[in-house]
Amino acid sequence: MRPLRFHCLRMLEWLAQLDEAMANARIRSLIAYRDRRAAAAQRYGAAADEICPPAEWDPRRWDRGQDPRSDTLERRP
């Protein structure tokens, strides 16, 4: 019969392998999520560009809340 220390070390080895497998699975899921978000951004970005082409963008006015196409204009008396 093998000593108890052998079984403890085997269990620790198994837990380390399990931990590594879980970490790798987590990394794969994060990469898949990133890829899905990137694909969605490309898909919806193209649709948004059809509505309002980038040539019409004016980020400086957006920063000040003065874009005439925005419904969130600041009302000043």
C-alpha atoms as a PDB file:
ATOM      1  CA  MET A   1       0.000   0.000   0.000  1.00  0.00           C
ATOM      2  CA  ARG A   2       1.249   3.469  -0.864  1.00  0.00           C
ATOM      3  CA  PRO A   3       1.934   5.988   1.881  1.00  0.00           C
ATOM      4  CA  LEU A   4      -0.543   8.733   2.645  1.00  0.00           C
ATOM      5  CA  ARG A   5       1.955  11.366   1.487  1.00  0.00           C
ATOM      6  CA  PHE A   6       1.832   9.882  -2.035  1.00  0.00           C
ATOM      7  CA  HIS A   7      -1.958  10.278  -2.189  1.00  0.00           C
ATOM      8  CA  CYS A   8      -1.801  13.828  -0.827  1.00  0.00           C
ATOM      9  CA  LEU A   9       0.765  14.806  -3.451  1.00  0.00           C
ATOM     10  CA  ARG A  10      -1.316  13.148  -6.177  1.00  0.00           C
ATOM     11  CA  MET A  11      -4.371  15.073  -5.044  1.00  0.00           C
ATOM     12  CA  LEU A  12      -2.416  18.356  -5.053  1.00  0.00           C
ATOM     13  CA  GLU A  13      -1.157  17.569  -8.553  1.00  0.00           C
ATOM     14  CA  TRP A  14      -4.707  16.856  -9.710  1.00  0.00           C
ATOM     15  CA  LEU A  15      -5.966  20.112  -8.156  1.00  0.00           C
ATOM     16  CA  ALA A  16      -3.188  22.069  -9.877  1.00  0.00           C
ATOM     17  CA  GLN A  17      -4.128  20.528 -13.232  1.00  0.00           C
ATOM     18  CA  LEU A  18      -7.795  21.264 -12.594  1.00  0.00           C
ATOM     19  CA  ASP A  19      -6.967  24.858 -11.677  1.00  0.00           C
ATOM     20  CA  GLU A  20      -4.913  25.243 -14.850  1.00  0.00           C
ATOM     21  CA  ALA A  21      -7.721  23.791 -16.961  1.00  0.00           C
ATOM     22  CA  MET A  22     -10.250  26.144 -15.370  1.00  0.00           C
ATOM     23  CA  ALA A  23      -7.959  29.137 -15.926  1.00  0.00           C
ATOM     24  CA  ASN A  24      -7.478  28.170 -19.574  1.00  0.00           C
ATOM     25  CA  ALA A  25     -11.229  27.760 -20.014  1.00  0.00           C
ATOM     26  CA  ARG A  26     -11.769  31.206 -18.505  1.00  0.00           C
ATOM     27  CA  ILE A  27      -9.200  32.721 -20.850  1.00  0.00           C
ATOM     28  CA  ARG A  28     -10.840  31.029 -23.838  1.00  0.00           C
ATOM     29  CA  SER A  29     -14.250  32.347 -22.789  1.00  0.00           C
ATOM     30  CA  LEU A  30     -12.876  35.884 -22.400  1.00  0.00           C
ATOM     31  CA  ILE A  31     -11.279  35.727 -25.843  1.00  0.00           C
ATOM     32  CA  ALA A  32     -14.530  34.433 -27.346  1.00  0.00           C
ATOM     33  CA  TYR A  33     -16.448  37.248 -25.621  1.00  0.00           C
ATOM     34  CA  ARG A  34     -13.967  39.824 -26.950  1.00  0.00           C
ATOM     35  CA  ASP A  35     -14.331  38.424 -30.470  1.00  0.00           C
ATOM     36  CA  ARG A  36     -18.137  38.513 -30.254  1.00  0.00           C
ATOM     37  CA  ARG A  37     -18.069  42.129 -29.047  1.00  0.00           C
ATOM     38  CA  ALA A  38     -15.648  43.110 -31.828  1.00  0.00           C
ATOM     39  CA  ALA A  39     -17.879  41.477 -34.451  1.00  0.00           C
ATOM     40  CA  ALA A  40     -20.938  43.235 -33.038  1.00  0.00           C
ATOM     41  CA  ALA A  41     -19.108  46.568 -33.032  1.00  0.00           C
ATOM     42  CA  GLN A  42     -18.189  46.147 -36.684  1.00  0.00           C
ATOM     43  CA  ARG A  43     -21.717  45.094 -37.595  1.00  0.00           C
ATOM     44  CA  TYR A  44     -23.502  47.875 -35.712  1.00  0.00           C
ATOM     45  CA  GLY A  45     -20.821  50.435 -36.529  1.00  0.00           C
ATOM     46  CA  ALA A  46     -21.406  49.903 -40.243  1.00  0.00           C
ATOM     47  CA  ALA A  47     -25.146  50.347 -39.735  1.00  0.00           C
ATOM     48  CA  ALA A  48     -24.576  53.531 -37.725  1.00  0.00           C
ATOM     49  CA  ASP A  49     -22.251  54.926 -40.396  1.00  0.00           C
ATOM     50  CA  GLU A  50     -25.036  54.541 -42.958  1.00  0.00           C
ATOM     51  CA  ILE A  51     -27.298  56.711 -40.803  1.00  0.00           C
ATOM     52  CA  CYS A  52     -24.683  59.344 -39.962  1.00  0.00           C
ATOM     53  CA  PRO A  53     -21.448  59.178 -41.978  1.00  0.00           C
ATOM     54  CA  PRO A  54     -18.216  59.916 -40.093  1.00  0.00           C
ATOM     55  CA  ALA A  55     -17.752  63.049 -42.213  1.00  0.00           C
ATOM     56  CA  GLU A  56     -20.642  64.618 -40.268  1.00  0.00           C
ATOM     57  CA  TRP A  57     -19.151  63.897 -36.839  1.00  0.00           C
ATOM     58  CA  ASP A  58     -17.893  66.806 -34.807  1.00  0.00           C
ATOM     59  CA  PRO A  59     -16.491  65.491 -31.501  1.00  0.00           C
ATOM     60  CA  ARG A  60     -15.618  68.991 -30.284  1.00  0.00           C
ATOM     61  CA  ARG A  61     -19.285  69.955 -30.380  1.00  0.00           C
ATOM     62  CA  TRP A  62     -20.318  66.667 -28.782  1.00  0.00           C
ATOM     63  CA  ASP A  63     -17.963  67.343 -25.866  1.00  0.00           C
ATOM     64  CA  ARG A  64     -19.652  70.689 -25.249  1.00  0.00           C
ATOM     65  CA  GLY A  65     -23.156  69.296 -25.713  1.00  0.00           C
ATOM     66  CA  GLN A  66     -23.828  71.573 -28.691  1.00  0.00           C
ATOM     67  CA  ASP A  67     -24.374  69.078 -31.469  1.00  0.00           C
ATOM     68  CA  PRO A  68     -27.510  70.222 -33.348  1.00  0.00           C
ATOM     69  CA  ARG A  69     -28.545  66.619 -34.014  1.00  0.00           C
ATOM     70  CA  SER A  70     -28.573  65.823 -30.313  1.00  0.00           C
ATOM     71  CA  ASP A  71     -31.768  65.903 -28.277  1.00  0.00           C
ATOM     72  CA  THR A  72     -29.742  66.589 -25.136  1.00  0.00           C
ATOM     73  CA  LEU A  73     -28.823  70.194 -25.867  1.00  0.00           C
ATOM     74  CA  GLU A  74     -28.337  72.366 -22.837  1.00  0.00           C
ATOM     75  CA  ARG A  75     -31.117  74.907 -22.632  1.00  0.00           C
ATOM     76  CA  ARG A  76     -29.834  78.323 -21.640  1.00  0.00           C
ATOM     77  CA  PRO A  77     -32.160  81.185 -20.662  1.00  0.00           C
END
